[in-house]
């Protein structure tokens, strides 16, 4: 290495602290000398028995370490908190920022020159990236890949999407308990992320589109030989990134965010990506939001024919060449003025491969934009709609509100055969934003009331300050801001209030007289949190609203001074 290594601050010299540092590394398997010129590469992973999505990462950590060694670096593997969607409650979103802090502080406090981030489940990718971006150490990301698809009743099962479909069928009385139990046994199909284009695969594609992953890494299949090859290649590339001094601040640019927005619309990705990209951008002092996404999306059709928008699964998108193929089809819609971990632009990896899961521009799956933004008196700071999986006949709608302020209450009332509701009702779920609950869980796809489901109703207008799974679908207006827990207009809605939506005009309004709303606001009492200590209490005090990506206010790099990475004092511990 021709220039001084950061890790030399720990290992160079002959005093007692340098000696102790070298011995500590040696006991972990990293043999470092006082004059060592090899970069130390951290390998962060979060494999856990509590998180089947991330279980493939244990083997990939060893593969990445081999790649680091082959390239002349010194690998050091370290664990991180495992953010899983299945078991972590109320939501892994509550802990995304905690993961970012853990990654940032592990990198800050240890002799690490560059890092390989091994992620998979939804929040693990943005959380790890946010932490690494805040350190601005050379960074590359590889995912564990999506899981295999089982067969049920003669067709392949898409993770998440087909679970929601089966629930709809069960609530409509179309399947019995025996079929439901049979489906459960089939659904346990192996480890890895969802095999549909949910949030995990969306964020894997976003990491690649931003330039932090190797070409076609975002669609890899869990347990495949190629996933091991990508991990090894990522380890080798991490050493080269240190040699090139290629840091996140050179990769994450407005042009890179533009490309991410184009790809997000082209793949009809998860609405959660809007939050995560805003938070990622904020760490670098940049901005990303629904206005930018809407502007860019107006020219971008949906190209990927993958559930929940299309008919195929992630395996077919991988066979089609993954993101390089999509980038090749998008052509001039992609900004070439970017630098990726390849050392070149995103276009440089465009593939000639083709397949059933990627459509040409002239024959899209959906005309776009896949994700739309709305504003109005019910969401002054905005809300988003996954238009590509919604019902266009509901894009212009006026209906009375049916309000739920509690998840358990909502699930119980929806099963009430005497519930006063019809297909024109607007279902409102509030108190589920970043501060509410807390953690903004994926409760937004409110199930169709039982009595309507039994009559064949499959979609209704829903409005919420919550999120929904990237595998979900329906005419659901999400992330309404300001949230109800802060006294946003959603907190003032009452049963029967007329709610008006107009997607083409970008409007979401509460049609109630201003004087009446003022009276309600004067009587409104802020909810009192049960959390008086610990992470949830800290989170509620500092979390920002959805348009800012739900990051913590003291983590955002909105000034050069805040973005400056402060090195630790290296001496006796």
Foldseek 3Di string as FASTA:
>chain_A
DPDDFQLLVQQADDDPRNVVQQVVCVVQPFHDHNPDPAFEEEEEAAQDPVALARVLVVVLLVLLQLLLVVLRHTYDYDYFHAQHQPPDPPHSLLCLQVRLVVLQVVVQAHSHQEYEYEEFHQSSLLSNLLNQQLQQHHYAYFYQAAEDWFDDPHHTDWPPQVVVVVVLCVLLVNDDPVSVVVVVVRNPRGGHYTQFQWRRLLSLVLCVLLFRADFLRSLDHHPDPVSSVRSSVRSSLRSVCSVVVPTVLQRRDPLSLLSSLLVCQQQLHFPLVQLSSLSSQQLNQHGGHQVSSQVLWLQHFHFFQTPPLHDHTSVQCSQQRHPLQVCVLCPPSHDLPGQHSVRGGSNVSRDPGGGDGGHHLVDHSGGDRQKHWADEQQFPPIWIWRNSQEDVVCQWAKAWEDEDADLVVLVVLLADLPRPDDQRYEYEYAQQACLRVHSQHACQCRRHRSNHSNVPDDAHHYEYCHGHIRNDGYNTTYNRPPGVLVVRNSVQGDTGFMWTHHRVVRYTYTPDDPVSSVVSSVVDDRDDDPDPDDSSVQLSVFFDGSSSSRHGPLSGPNDPVSSDNDRDDRDDD
